[in-house]
Each structure stands twice: as C-alpha cells, then as structure tokens.
Amino acid sequence: VERDGRQEPFHTEKSNGNLNIYVGDRDITLNPGFYTYRITYTAMGQLGFFDDFDEIYWNVNGFGWNFRVEKIGASAHIPKPAVFDSFACYTG
C-alpha cells in the first residue's frame, strides 16, 4: 500500500466473506485534502469457466465507501498466450 508514492502501514481482516484492507495509522489523522493511494494485490478465484466462454469477474473497488472516490484505476496482467475473441467491461 502506498499513499502519494510512499509506503503506508496497513492490515487486513476477513469479515462476512470479504477481505477488508485498513490503510494508515489509526493514531494519525490526515489533513483534509486529496491523496493518491496505490493498493497492489493478487486476486484468486476471479476466473469463471463456462461452456460457451470464460470470464474474469472482478469487483475492483468493492462497495459502501463512506467517502468520495474521485477516480479508480485497475490493471490485470494476462499471460501472453491468452487470446480474446471479445471482451466487455461493466460498471454500476
């Protein structure tokens, strides 16, 4: 986890089938403003294999944030031999 390009303390907890990531030091309150966070992780079990197609299903940022998220970005690294006949992305 990084905040504005510097390592940031964090810990994780599992709850109700979700992995929650807690970022920052609970004893430090940030000044109001804009911050850029980078959270890098590996996600397992995101592939679905069906008769007519295979699928990557990934909820990138989860739900229920109690603050405004200005912009979300994500990247997925797919092995070189993979071939795509078509692809689509959805939001909402």
PDB file of N, CA and C in Angstrom:
ATOM      1  N   VAL A   1       0.854  -1.177   0.000  1.00  0.00           N
ATOM      2  CA  VAL A   1       0.000   0.000   0.000  1.00  0.00           C
ATOM      3  C   VAL A   1       0.892   1.230   0.000  1.00  0.00           C
ATOM      4  N   GLU A   2       0.562   2.191  -0.845  1.00  0.00           N
ATOM      5  CA  GLU A   2       1.276   3.464  -0.897  1.00  0.00           C
ATOM      6  C   GLU A   2       0.286   4.619  -0.807  1.00  0.00           C
ATOM      7  N   ARG A   3       0.718   5.694  -0.171  1.00  0.00           N
ATOM      8  CA  ARG A   3      -0.027   6.960  -0.187  1.00  0.00           C
ATOM      9  C   ARG A   3       0.912   7.999  -0.746  1.00  0.00           C
ATOM     10  N   ASP A   4       0.507   8.613  -1.851  1.00  0.00           N
ATOM     11  CA  ASP A   4       1.319   9.634  -2.516  1.00  0.00           C
ATOM     12  C   ASP A   4       2.740   9.147  -2.779  1.00  0.00           C
ATOM     13  N   GLY A   5       2.872   7.886  -3.194  1.00  0.00           N
ATOM     14  CA  GLY A   5       4.155   7.328  -3.589  1.00  0.00           C
ATOM     15  C   GLY A   5       5.033   6.799  -2.463  1.00  0.00           C
ATOM     16  N   ARG A   6       4.553   6.850  -1.225  1.00  0.00           N
ATOM     17  CA  ARG A   6       5.338   6.341  -0.085  1.00  0.00           C
ATOM     18  C   ARG A   6       4.592   5.202   0.587  1.00  0.00           C
ATOM     19  N   GLN A   7       5.360   4.236   1.098  1.00  0.00           N
ATOM     20  CA  GLN A   7       4.726   3.112   1.778  1.00  0.00           C
ATOM     21  C   GLN A   7       3.859   3.588   2.929  1.00  0.00           C
ATOM     22  N   GLU A   8       2.718   2.934   3.070  1.00  0.00           N
ATOM     23  CA  GLU A   8       1.741   3.288   4.098  1.00  0.00           C
ATOM     24  C   GLU A   8       1.445   2.027   4.912  1.00  0.00           C
ATOM     25  N   PRO A   9       1.360   2.127   6.246  1.00  0.00           N
ATOM     26  CA  PRO A   9       1.021   0.942   7.030  1.00  0.00           C
ATOM     27  C   PRO A   9      -0.399   0.474   6.707  1.00  0.00           C
ATOM     28  N   PHE A  10      -0.630  -0.833   6.812  1.00  0.00           N
ATOM     29  CA  PHE A  10      -1.963  -1.382   6.583  1.00  0.00           C
ATOM     30  C   PHE A  10      -2.062  -2.734   7.277  1.00  0.00           C
ATOM     31  N   HIS A  11      -3.299  -3.183   7.453  1.00  0.00           N
ATOM     32  CA  HIS A  11      -3.538  -4.559   7.873  1.00  0.00           C
ATOM     33  C   HIS A  11      -4.841  -5.023   7.242  1.00  0.00           C
ATOM     34  N   THR A  12      -5.051  -6.312   7.223  1.00  0.00           N
ATOM     35  CA  THR A  12      -6.250  -6.882   6.614  1.00  0.00           C
ATOM     36  C   THR A  12      -7.020  -7.697   7.648  1.00  0.00           C
ATOM     37  N   GLU A  13      -8.331  -7.783   7.444  1.00  0.00           N
ATOM     38  CA  GLU A  13      -9.206  -8.621   8.260  1.00  0.00           C
ATOM     39  C   GLU A  13     -10.277  -9.215   7.367  1.00  0.00           C
ATOM     40  N   LYS A  14     -10.623 -10.470   7.619  1.00  0.00           N
ATOM     41  CA  LYS A  14     -11.728 -11.108   6.897  1.00  0.00           C
ATOM     42  C   LYS A  14     -12.996 -10.966   7.723  1.00  0.00           C
ATOM     43  N   SER A  15     -14.095 -10.613   7.023  1.00  0.00           N
ATOM     44  CA  SER A  15     -15.375 -10.441   7.695  1.00  0.00           C
ATOM     45  C   SER A  15     -16.497 -10.732   6.702  1.00  0.00           C
ATOM     46  N   ASN A  16     -17.395 -11.627   7.059  1.00  0.00           N
ATOM     47  CA  ASN A  16     -18.551 -11.963   6.209  1.00  0.00           C
ATOM     48  C   ASN A  16     -18.151 -12.301   4.783  1.00  0.00           C
ATOM     49  N   GLY A  17     -17.079 -13.041   4.608  1.00  0.00           N
ATOM     50  CA  GLY A  17     -16.635 -13.445   3.278  1.00  0.00           C
ATOM     51  C   GLY A  17     -15.877 -12.373   2.516  1.00  0.00           C
ATOM     52  N   ASN A  18     -15.637 -11.233   3.126  1.00  0.00           N
ATOM     53  CA  ASN A  18     -14.906 -10.148   2.479  1.00  0.00           C
ATOM     54  C   ASN A  18     -13.533  -9.992   3.118  1.00  0.00           C
ATOM     55  N   LEU A  19     -12.586  -9.519   2.329  1.00  0.00           N
ATOM     56  CA  LEU A  19     -11.280  -9.147   2.855  1.00  0.00           C
ATOM     57  C   LEU A  19     -11.251  -7.631   2.950  1.00  0.00           C
ATOM     58  N   ASN A  20     -11.175  -7.103   4.153  1.00  0.00           N
ATOM     59  CA  ASN A  20     -11.127  -5.661   4.369  1.00  0.00           C
ATOM     60  C   ASN A  20      -9.677  -5.234   4.542  1.00  0.00           C
ATOM     61  N   ILE A  21      -9.308  -4.152   3.851  1.00  0.00           N
ATOM     62  CA  ILE A  21      -7.962  -3.600   3.951  1.00  0.00           C
ATOM     63  C   ILE A  21      -8.056  -2.290   4.709  1.00  0.00           C
ATOM     64  N   TYR A  22      -7.366  -2.209   5.831  1.00  0.00           N
ATOM     65  CA  TYR A  22      -7.333  -0.999   6.646  1.00  0.00           C
ATOM     66  C   TYR A  22      -6.006  -0.307   6.380  1.00  0.00           C
ATOM     67  N   VAL A  23      -6.082   0.927   5.890  1.00  0.00           N
ATOM     68  CA  VAL A  23      -4.889   1.650   5.455  1.00  0.00           C
ATOM     69  C   VAL A  23      -4.617   2.811   6.398  1.00  0.00           C
ATOM     70  N   GLY A  24      -3.348   2.976   6.764  1.00  0.00           N
ATOM     71  CA  GLY A  24      -2.942   4.113   7.577  1.00  0.00           C
ATOM     72  C   GLY A  24      -2.708   3.727   9.027  1.00  0.00           C
ATOM     73  N   ASP A  25      -2.298   4.704   9.792  1.00  0.00           N
ATOM     74  CA  ASP A  25      -2.025   4.557  11.225  1.00  0.00           C
ATOM     75  C   ASP A  25      -3.209   5.142  11.976  1.00  0.00           C
ATOM     76  N   ARG A  26      -3.863   4.345  12.802  1.00  0.00           N
ATOM     77  CA  ARG A  26      -5.075   4.815  13.490  1.00  0.00           C
ATOM     78  C   ARG A  26      -4.801   5.980  14.435  1.00  0.00           C
ATOM     79  N   ASP A  27      -3.547   6.212  14.789  1.00  0.00           N
ATOM     80  CA  ASP A  27      -3.199   7.322  15.681  1.00  0.00           C
ATOM     81  C   ASP A  27      -2.875   8.609  14.931  1.00  0.00           C
ATOM     82  N   ILE A  28      -2.958   8.582  13.605  1.00  0.00           N
ATOM     83  CA  ILE A  28      -2.662   9.767  12.797  1.00  0.00           C
ATOM     84  C   ILE A  28      -3.904  10.150  12.003  1.00  0.00           C
ATOM     85  N   THR A  29      -4.329  11.406  12.125  1.00  0.00           N
ATOM     86  CA  THR A  29      -5.443  11.931  11.348  1.00  0.00           C
ATOM     87  C   THR A  29      -4.873  12.800  10.234  1.00  0.00           C
ATOM     88  N   LEU A  30      -5.227  12.475   8.996  1.00  0.00           N
ATOM     89  CA  LEU A  30      -4.731  13.239   7.846  1.00  0.00           C
ATOM     90  C   LEU A  30      -5.458  14.576   7.751  1.00  0.00           C
ATOM     91  N   ASN A  31      -4.764  15.582   7.265  1.00  0.00           N
ATOM     92  CA  ASN A  31      -5.397  16.860   6.974  1.00  0.00           C
ATOM     93  C   ASN A  31      -6.359  16.683   5.814  1.00  0.00           C
ATOM     94  N   PRO A  32      -7.459  17.455   5.796  1.00  0.00           N
ATOM     95  CA  PRO A  32      -8.365  17.376   4.648  1.00  0.00           C
ATOM     96  C   PRO A  32      -7.598  17.664   3.358  1.00  0.00           C
ATOM     97  N   GLY A  33      -7.937  16.946   2.302  1.00  0.00           N
ATOM     98  CA  GLY A  33      -7.263  17.150   1.022  1.00  0.00           C
ATOM     99  C   GLY A  33      -7.388  15.929   0.143  1.00  0.00           C
ATOM    100  N   PHE A  34      -6.642  15.935  -0.930  1.00  0.00           N
ATOM    101  CA  PHE A  34      -6.661  14.837  -1.891  1.00  0.00           C
ATOM    102  C   PHE A  34      -5.393  14.015  -1.733  1.00  0.00           C
ATOM    103  N   TYR A  35      -5.546  12.708  -1.728  1.00  0.00           N
ATOM    104  CA  TYR A  35      -4.431  11.790  -1.589  1.00  0.00           C
ATOM    105  C   TYR A  35      -4.549  10.724  -2.667  1.00  0.00           C
ATOM    106  N   THR A  36      -3.422  10.237  -3.127  1.00  0.00           N
ATOM    107  CA  THR A  36      -3.409   9.157  -4.115  1.00  0.00           C
ATOM    108  C   THR A  36      -2.889   7.898  -3.438  1.00  0.00           C
ATOM    109  N   TYR A  37      -3.715   6.857  -3.467  1.00  0.00           N
ATOM    110  CA  TYR A  37      -3.343   5.579  -2.877  1.00  0.00           C
ATOM    111  C   TYR A  37      -3.133   4.556  -3.980  1.00  0.00           C
ATOM    112  N   ARG A  38      -2.170   3.680  -3.778  1.00  0.00           N
ATOM    113  CA  ARG A  38      -1.953   2.545  -4.671  1.00  0.00           C
ATOM    114  C   ARG A  38      -1.966   1.293  -3.797  1.00  0.00           C
ATOM    115  N   ILE A  39      -2.900   0.407  -4.097  1.00  0.00           N
ATOM    116  CA  ILE A  39      -3.017  -0.861  -3.387  1.00  0.00           C
ATOM    117  C   ILE A  39      -2.768  -1.959  -4.409  1.00  0.00           C
ATOM    118  N   THR A  40      -1.725  -2.728  -4.195  1.00  0.00           N
ATOM    119  CA  THR A  40      -1.362  -3.796  -5.122  1.00  0.00           C
ATOM    120  C   THR A  40      -1.640  -5.133  -4.447  1.00  0.00           C
ATOM    121  N   TYR A  41      -2.332  -6.011  -5.151  1.00  0.00           N
ATOM    122  CA  TYR A  41      -2.658  -7.309  -4.570  1.00  0.00           C
ATOM    123  C   TYR A  41      -2.860  -8.341  -5.670  1.00  0.00           C
ATOM    124  N   THR A  42      -2.897  -9.585  -5.278  1.00  0.00           N
ATOM    125  CA  THR A  42      -3.187 -10.690  -6.176  1.00  0.00           C
ATOM    126  C   THR A  42      -4.560 -11.232  -5.793  1.00  0.00           C
ATOM    127  N   ALA A  43      -5.432 -11.405  -6.780  1.00  0.00           N
ATOM    128  CA  ALA A  43      -6.783 -11.915  -6.532  1.00  0.00           C
ATOM    129  C   ALA A  43      -6.898 -13.332  -7.085  1.00  0.00           C
ATOM    130  N   MET A  44      -7.347 -14.225  -6.243  1.00  0.00           N
ATOM    131  CA  MET A  44      -7.541 -15.615  -6.650  1.00  0.00           C
ATOM    132  C   MET A  44      -9.038 -15.871  -6.862  1.00  0.00           C
ATOM    133  N   GLY A  45      -9.347 -16.820  -7.736  1.00  0.00           N
ATOM    134  CA  GLY A  45     -10.736 -17.239  -7.930  1.00  0.00           C
ATOM    135  C   GLY A  45     -11.572 -16.287  -8.756  1.00  0.00           C
ATOM    136  N   GLN A  46     -10.945 -15.462  -9.576  1.00  0.00           N
ATOM    137  CA  GLN A  46     -11.681 -14.483 -10.381  1.00  0.00           C
ATOM    138  C   GLN A  46     -12.083 -15.038 -11.749  1.00  0.00           C
ATOM    139  N   LEU A  47     -11.663 -16.238 -12.061  1.00  0.00           N
ATOM    140  CA  LEU A  47     -11.955 -16.815 -13.375  1.00  0.00           C
ATOM    141  C   LEU A  47     -13.162 -17.739 -13.303  1.00  0.00           C
ATOM    142  N   GLY A  48     -14.054 -17.591 -14.285  1.00  0.00           N
ATOM    143  CA  GLY A  48     -15.195 -18.489 -14.437  1.00  0.00           C
ATOM    144  C   GLY A  48     -15.071 -19.222 -15.758  1.00  0.00           C
ATOM    145  N   PHE A  49     -15.262 -20.512 -15.749  1.00  0.00           N
ATOM    146  CA  PHE A  49     -15.157 -21.324 -16.966  1.00  0.00           C
ATOM    147  C   PHE A  49     -16.531 -21.881 -17.287  1.00  0.00           C
ATOM    148  N   PHE A  50     -17.064 -21.489 -18.450  1.00  0.00           N
ATOM    149  CA  PHE A  50     -18.406 -21.874 -18.863  1.00  0.00           C
ATOM    150  C   PHE A  50     -18.331 -22.604 -20.201  1.00  0.00           C
ATOM    151  N   ASP A  51     -19.450 -23.218 -20.623  1.00  0.00           N
ATOM    152  CA  ASP A  51     -19.457 -23.977 -21.875  1.00  0.00           C
ATOM    153  C   ASP A  51     -19.125 -23.101 -23.080  1.00  0.00           C
ATOM    154  N   ASP A  52     -19.675 -21.878 -23.133  1.00  0.00           N
ATOM    155  CA  ASP A  52     -19.525 -21.021 -24.314  1.00  0.00           C
ATOM    156  C   ASP A  52     -18.454 -19.939 -24.173  1.00  0.00           C
ATOM    157  N   PHE A  53     -17.969 -19.716 -22.964  1.00  0.00           N
ATOM    158  CA  PHE A  53     -16.993 -18.642 -22.768  1.00  0.00           C
ATOM    159  C   PHE A  53     -16.308 -18.813 -21.420  1.00  0.00           C
ATOM    160  N   ASP A  54     -15.212 -18.115 -21.274  1.00  0.00           N
ATOM    161  CA  ASP A  54     -14.540 -17.986 -19.981  1.00  0.00           C
ATOM    162  C   ASP A  54     -14.661 -16.531 -19.560  1.00  0.00           C
ATOM    163  N   GLU A  55     -14.579 -16.269 -18.267  1.00  0.00           N
ATOM    164  CA  GLU A  55     -14.867 -14.932 -17.769  1.00  0.00           C
ATOM    165  C   GLU A  55     -13.901 -14.562 -16.646  1.00  0.00           C
ATOM    166  N   ILE A  56     -13.485 -13.291 -16.654  1.00  0.00           N
ATOM    167  CA  ILE A  56     -12.817 -12.703 -15.499  1.00  0.00           C
ATOM    168  C   ILE A  56     -13.867 -11.830 -14.821  1.00  0.00           C
ATOM    169  N   TYR A  57     -14.220 -12.152 -13.598  1.00  0.00           N
ATOM    170  CA  TYR A  57     -15.206 -11.379 -12.845  1.00  0.00           C
ATOM    171  C   TYR A  57     -14.498 -10.800 -11.628  1.00  0.00           C
ATOM    172  N   TRP A  58     -14.348  -9.480 -11.613  1.00  0.00           N
ATOM    173  CA  TRP A  58     -13.535  -8.828 -10.597  1.00  0.00           C
ATOM    174  C   TRP A  58     -14.195  -7.533 -10.180  1.00  0.00           C
ATOM    175  N   ASN A  59     -14.634  -7.450  -8.939  1.00  0.00           N
ATOM    176  CA  ASN A  59     -15.178  -6.214  -8.381  1.00  0.00           C
ATOM    177  C   ASN A  59     -13.985  -5.424  -7.840  1.00  0.00           C
ATOM    178  N   VAL A  60     -13.491  -4.515  -8.627  1.00  0.00           N
ATOM    179  CA  VAL A  60     -12.217  -3.843  -8.366  1.00  0.00           C
ATOM    180  C   VAL A  60     -12.196  -3.099  -7.042  1.00  0.00           C
ATOM    181  N   ASN A  61     -13.203  -2.320  -6.747  1.00  0.00           N
ATOM    182  CA  ASN A  61     -13.124  -1.436  -5.576  1.00  0.00           C
ATOM    183  C   ASN A  61     -14.168  -1.713  -4.503  1.00  0.00           C
ATOM    184  N   GLY A  62     -14.977  -2.723  -4.644  1.00  0.00           N
ATOM    185  CA  GLY A  62     -15.949  -3.047  -3.602  1.00  0.00           C
ATOM    186  C   GLY A  62     -17.074  -2.028  -3.511  1.00  0.00           C
ATOM    187  N   PHE A  63     -17.802  -2.069  -2.408  1.00  0.00           N
ATOM    188  CA  PHE A  63     -18.979  -1.224  -2.214  1.00  0.00           C
ATOM    189  C   PHE A  63     -18.921  -0.547  -0.848  1.00  0.00           C
ATOM    190  N   GLY A  64     -19.765   0.464  -0.660  1.00  0.00           N
ATOM    191  CA  GLY A  64     -20.007   1.013   0.663  1.00  0.00           C
ATOM    192  C   GLY A  64     -18.958   1.968   1.201  1.00  0.00           C
ATOM    193  N   TRP A  65     -18.221   2.638   0.340  1.00  0.00           N
ATOM    194  CA  TRP A  65     -17.249   3.618   0.826  1.00  0.00           C
ATOM    195  C   TRP A  65     -17.981   4.767   1.490  1.00  0.00           C
ATOM    196  N   ASN A  66     -17.466   5.250   2.618  1.00  0.00           N
ATOM    197  CA  ASN A  66     -18.105   6.386   3.289  1.00  0.00           C
ATOM    198  C   ASN A  66     -17.378   7.692   2.979  1.00  0.00           C
ATOM    199  N   PHE A  67     -16.693   7.723   1.849  1.00  0.00           N
ATOM    200  CA  PHE A  67     -16.056   8.944   1.358  1.00  0.00           C
ATOM    201  C   PHE A  67     -16.074   8.911  -0.164  1.00  0.00           C
ATOM    202  N   ARG A  68     -15.907  10.077  -0.767  1.00  0.00           N
ATOM    203  CA  ARG A  68     -15.948  10.187  -2.223  1.00  0.00           C
ATOM    204  C   ARG A  68     -14.663   9.628  -2.823  1.00  0.00           C
ATOM    205  N   VAL A  69     -14.819   8.804  -3.840  1.00  0.00           N
ATOM    206  CA  VAL A  69     -13.675   8.283  -4.581  1.00  0.00           C
ATOM    207  C   VAL A  69     -13.657   9.014  -5.920  1.00  0.00           C
ATOM    208  N   GLU A  70     -12.639   9.809  -6.125  1.00  0.00           N
ATOM    209  CA  GLU A  70     -12.540  10.642  -7.336  1.00  0.00           C
ATOM    210  C   GLU A  70     -12.297   9.805  -8.590  1.00  0.00           C
ATOM    211  N   LYS A  71     -11.399   8.838  -8.497  1.00  0.00           N
ATOM    212  CA  LYS A  71     -11.043   8.057  -9.681  1.00  0.00           C
ATOM    213  C   LYS A  71     -10.530   6.693  -9.231  1.00  0.00           C
ATOM    214  N   ILE A  72     -10.900   5.657  -9.963  1.00  0.00           N
ATOM    215  CA  ILE A  72     -10.439   4.288  -9.699  1.00  0.00           C
ATOM    216  C   ILE A  72      -9.729   3.797 -10.946  1.00  0.00           C
ATOM    217  N   GLY A  73      -8.627   3.145 -10.768  1.00  0.00           N
ATOM    218  CA  GLY A  73      -7.919   2.527 -11.895  1.00  0.00           C
ATOM    219  C   GLY A  73      -7.566   1.100 -11.534  1.00  0.00           C
ATOM    220  N   ALA A  74      -7.478   0.247 -12.517  1.00  0.00           N
ATOM    221  CA  ALA A  74      -7.121  -1.149 -12.285  1.00  0.00           C
ATOM    222  C   ALA A  74      -6.396  -1.683 -13.504  1.00  0.00           C
ATOM    223  N   SER A  75      -5.538  -2.645 -13.275  1.00  0.00           N
ATOM    224  CA  SER A  75      -4.903  -3.335 -14.396  1.00  0.00           C
ATOM    225  C   SER A  75      -4.850  -4.815 -14.073  1.00  0.00           C
ATOM    226  N   ALA A  76      -4.982  -5.612 -15.103  1.00  0.00           N
ATOM    227  CA  ALA A  76      -4.895  -7.070 -14.965  1.00  0.00           C
ATOM    228  C   ALA A  76      -3.808  -7.554 -15.912  1.00  0.00           C
ATOM    229  N   HIS A  77      -2.954  -8.397 -15.417  1.00  0.00           N
ATOM    230  CA  HIS A  77      -1.864  -8.942 -16.224  1.00  0.00           C
ATOM    231  C   HIS A  77      -2.248 -10.353 -16.657  1.00  0.00           C
ATOM    232  N   ILE A  78      -2.474 -10.514 -17.938  1.00  0.00           N
ATOM    233  CA  ILE A  78      -2.924 -11.780 -18.514  1.00  0.00           C
ATOM    234  C   ILE A  78      -1.728 -12.448 -19.191  1.00  0.00           C
ATOM    235  N   PRO A  79      -1.560 -13.760 -19.012  1.00  0.00           N
ATOM    236  CA  PRO A  79      -0.428 -14.438 -19.660  1.00  0.00           C
ATOM    237  C   PRO A  79      -0.432 -14.238 -21.173  1.00  0.00           C
ATOM    238  N   LYS A  80       0.744 -14.099 -21.743  1.00  0.00           N
ATOM    239  CA  LYS A  80       0.917 -13.803 -23.161  1.00  0.00           C
ATOM    240  C   LYS A  80       0.160 -14.753 -24.100  1.00  0.00           C
ATOM    241  N   PRO A  81       0.091 -16.067 -23.855  1.00  0.00           N
ATOM    242  CA  PRO A  81      -0.594 -16.936 -24.817  1.00  0.00           C
ATOM    243  C   PRO A  81      -2.117 -16.737 -24.876  1.00  0.00           C
ATOM    244  N   ALA A  82      -2.704 -15.971 -23.962  1.00  0.00           N
ATOM    245  CA  ALA A  82      -4.161 -15.803 -23.940  1.00  0.00           C
ATOM    246  C   ALA A  82      -4.640 -15.086 -25.206  1.00  0.00           C
ATOM    247  N   VAL A  83      -5.770 -15.545 -25.738  1.00  0.00           N
ATOM    248  CA  VAL A  83      -6.375 -14.958 -26.938  1.00  0.00           C
ATOM    249  C   VAL A  83      -7.794 -14.561 -26.588  1.00  0.00           C
ATOM    250  N   PHE A  84      -8.197 -13.346 -26.981  1.00  0.00           N
ATOM    251  CA  PHE A  84      -9.538 -12.847 -26.713  1.00  0.00           C
ATOM    252  C   PHE A  84     -10.323 -12.747 -28.006  1.00  0.00           C
ATOM    253  N   ASP A  85     -11.486 -13.409 -28.079  1.00  0.00           N
ATOM    254  CA  ASP A  85     -12.395 -13.231 -29.212  1.00  0.00           C
ATOM    255  C   ASP A  85     -13.191 -11.943 -29.043  1.00  0.00           C
ATOM    256  N   SER A  86     -13.529 -11.617 -27.810  1.00  0.00           N
ATOM    257  CA  SER A  86     -14.239 -10.385 -27.497  1.00  0.00           C
ATOM    258  C   SER A  86     -14.039 -10.095 -26.013  1.00  0.00           C
ATOM    259  N   PHE A  87     -14.345  -8.853 -25.622  1.00  0.00           N
ATOM    260  CA  PHE A  87     -14.263  -8.504 -24.210  1.00  0.00           C
ATOM    261  C   PHE A  87     -15.207  -7.345 -23.938  1.00  0.00           C
ATOM    262  N   ALA A  88     -15.614  -7.227 -22.678  1.00  0.00           N
ATOM    263  CA  ALA A  88     -16.509  -6.150 -22.256  1.00  0.00           C
ATOM    264  C   ALA A  88     -16.216  -5.836 -20.789  1.00  0.00           C
ATOM    265  N   CYS A  89     -16.426  -4.567 -20.418  1.00  0.00           N
ATOM    266  CA  CYS A  89     -16.269  -4.135 -19.038  1.00  0.00           C
ATOM    267  C   CYS A  89     -17.563  -3.459 -18.608  1.00  0.00           C
ATOM    268  N   TYR A  90     -17.916  -3.613 -17.350  1.00  0.00           N
ATOM    269  CA  TYR A  90     -19.168  -3.052 -16.841  1.00  0.00           C
ATOM    270  C   TYR A  90     -18.915  -2.296 -15.551  1.00  0.00           C
ATOM    271  N   THR A  91     -19.762  -1.338 -15.285  1.00  0.00           N
ATOM    272  CA  THR A  91     -19.705  -0.594 -14.043  1.00  0.00           C
ATOM    273  C   THR A  91     -21.123  -0.395 -13.527  1.00  0.00           C
ATOM    274  N   GLY A  92     -21.246  -0.106 -12.245  1.00  0.00           N
ATOM    275  CA  GLY A  92     -22.568   0.197 -11.702  1.00  0.00           C
ATOM    276  C   GLY A  92     -23.092  -0.854 -10.787  1.00  0.00           C
TER     277      GLY A  92
END
